[in-house]
Structures are given as C-alpha cells and as structure tokens.
Amino acid sequence: MTTPQTRSSKAAPTKIVTTNTGRILRVSAADAEGSIAAATPAVPTAQPVVDPARRADVLFRKRRAEGQEMSAWWMIGAFLATSGLVIILLSGVPV
C-alpha cells in the first residue's frame, strides 16, 4: 500500500543562471539580478585562439598543405603488415 506524496504548491520561484565559465547556478528569482551582476566580470577577457589540430586530446594530428596528405594506401599497408606480423608471432606460441 502506498501513500500519496504531498507536495507544496508554493515552491519558491527559481532562475537558472549560467556563468561565463559554464557553471550553472540555481538562484531564487529575487536574488537573480544580484547574482548575475556578481557572476559576470566587469571586463570580458579575450579567449585564446585554439587550433583544433593542436588540442591536447589529439596526439598525432597534423595539418598538411593541400595535395600533401598521406595516401590511404599507407594505412592499408601498415594494417596488413601489422596483421601479418601478429599472425607470424602467434603461430610460434604453442597451444
């Protein structure tokens, strides 16, 4: 047997504020104007220019000039060579 949950219909009005750093704040509507002024800096700072090819999570990506891209056949050959090497090495392992 379950009991019905009672919720108060008089919830305080809230406003969601996002700061420049991406932090999400939930503030009451009365305090919203004051928190927005406090959360935003008076002078906007310049964001550094980020080259997508030089991001920290991209290890081996390089931008090459037009026509200087590596051929896809090198990757196919590297895959076949690596696969052949693994097969040769594993054929020496006794069962």
Protein backbone atom coordinates (compact mmCIF):
# COMPACT_ATOMS: atom_id res chain seq x y z
CA MET A 1 0.00 0.00 0.00
CA THR A 2 1.39 3.35 -0.95
CA THR A 3 0.61 6.70 0.46
CA PRO A 4 0.21 9.69 -1.80
CA GLN A 5 3.01 12.18 -1.58
CA THR A 6 2.03 15.69 -0.75
CA ARG A 7 3.89 18.45 -2.50
CA SER A 8 3.63 22.05 -1.60
CA SER A 9 2.29 24.12 -4.42
CA LYS A 10 4.08 27.17 -3.02
CA ALA A 11 7.56 26.44 -4.39
CA ALA A 12 9.89 29.40 -4.40
CA PRO A 13 10.41 30.71 -7.94
CA THR A 14 13.92 30.00 -9.12
CA LYS A 15 16.02 31.12 -12.05
CA ILE A 16 18.89 29.21 -13.65
CA VAL A 17 21.95 31.34 -14.31
CA THR A 18 24.93 30.21 -16.40
CA THR A 19 28.24 31.92 -15.71
CA ASN A 20 30.99 32.57 -18.27
CA THR A 21 32.88 29.50 -17.07
CA GLY A 22 29.87 27.28 -17.77
CA ARG A 23 28.82 26.80 -14.16
CA ILE A 24 25.07 26.52 -13.75
CA LEU A 25 23.60 28.24 -10.71
CA ARG A 26 20.06 27.93 -9.41
CA VAL A 27 19.07 31.06 -7.54
CA SER A 28 15.82 32.45 -6.28
CA ALA A 29 14.13 34.96 -8.54
CA ALA A 30 14.63 37.76 -6.00
CA ASP A 31 18.40 37.19 -5.90
CA ALA A 32 18.78 36.59 -9.65
CA GLU A 33 19.60 40.15 -10.61
CA GLY A 34 22.28 40.47 -7.93
CA SER A 35 23.90 37.13 -8.73
CA ILE A 36 24.07 37.84 -12.46
CA ALA A 37 25.94 41.06 -11.78
CA ALA A 38 28.28 39.27 -9.37
CA ALA A 39 28.82 36.25 -11.63
CA THR A 40 29.77 38.18 -14.76
CA PRO A 41 33.08 40.06 -14.79
CA ALA A 42 33.05 43.77 -15.49
CA VAL A 43 35.62 43.46 -18.30
CA PRO A 44 35.36 40.49 -20.65
CA THR A 45 38.63 38.66 -21.12
CA ALA A 46 39.84 37.62 -24.56
CA GLN A 47 39.67 33.87 -25.13
CA PRO A 48 42.85 32.31 -26.54
CA VAL A 49 42.69 31.08 -30.10
CA VAL A 50 42.64 27.29 -30.05
CA ASP A 51 43.74 25.41 -33.14
CA PRO A 52 41.63 22.21 -33.37
CA ALA A 53 44.62 20.30 -34.75
CA ARG A 54 46.68 21.18 -31.66
CA ARG A 55 44.23 20.18 -28.93
CA ALA A 56 45.60 18.19 -26.01
CA ASP A 57 43.42 15.16 -26.77
CA VAL A 58 44.67 14.92 -30.36
CA LEU A 59 48.11 13.36 -30.32
CA PHE A 60 49.19 12.76 -33.89
CA ARG A 61 47.02 15.06 -35.99
CA LYS A 62 48.90 17.40 -38.29
CA ARG A 63 47.61 19.89 -40.79
CA ARG A 64 49.20 19.46 -44.16
CA ALA A 65 49.10 21.63 -47.24
CA GLU A 66 46.65 20.80 -49.99
CA GLY A 67 47.95 17.87 -52.01
CA GLN A 68 50.44 16.83 -49.31
CA GLU A 69 48.09 14.49 -47.48
CA MET A 70 49.28 10.95 -46.86
CA SER A 71 47.82 8.31 -49.14
CA ALA A 72 45.27 5.94 -47.66
CA TRP A 73 47.27 3.05 -49.09
CA TRP A 74 49.98 3.64 -46.46
CA MET A 75 47.43 2.97 -43.70
CA ILE A 76 46.15 -0.13 -45.52
CA GLY A 77 49.71 -1.41 -45.95
CA ALA A 78 50.53 -0.71 -42.30
CA PHE A 79 47.43 -2.64 -41.22
CA LEU A 80 48.33 -5.62 -43.41
CA ALA A 81 51.96 -5.60 -42.23
CA THR A 82 50.94 -5.42 -38.57
CA SER A 83 48.35 -8.16 -39.02
CA GLY A 84 50.89 -10.39 -40.77
CA LEU A 85 53.46 -9.78 -38.02
CA VAL A 86 50.92 -10.67 -35.31
CA ILE A 87 49.93 -13.86 -37.15
CA ILE A 88 53.58 -14.88 -37.57
CA LEU A 89 54.37 -14.21 -33.90
CA LEU A 90 51.28 -16.02 -32.65
CA SER A 91 51.99 -19.03 -34.85
CA GLY A 92 55.07 -19.70 -32.71
CA VAL A 93 53.05 -19.88 -29.48
CA PRO A 94 52.28 -23.49 -28.53
CA VAL A 95 48.66 -24.41 -27.91
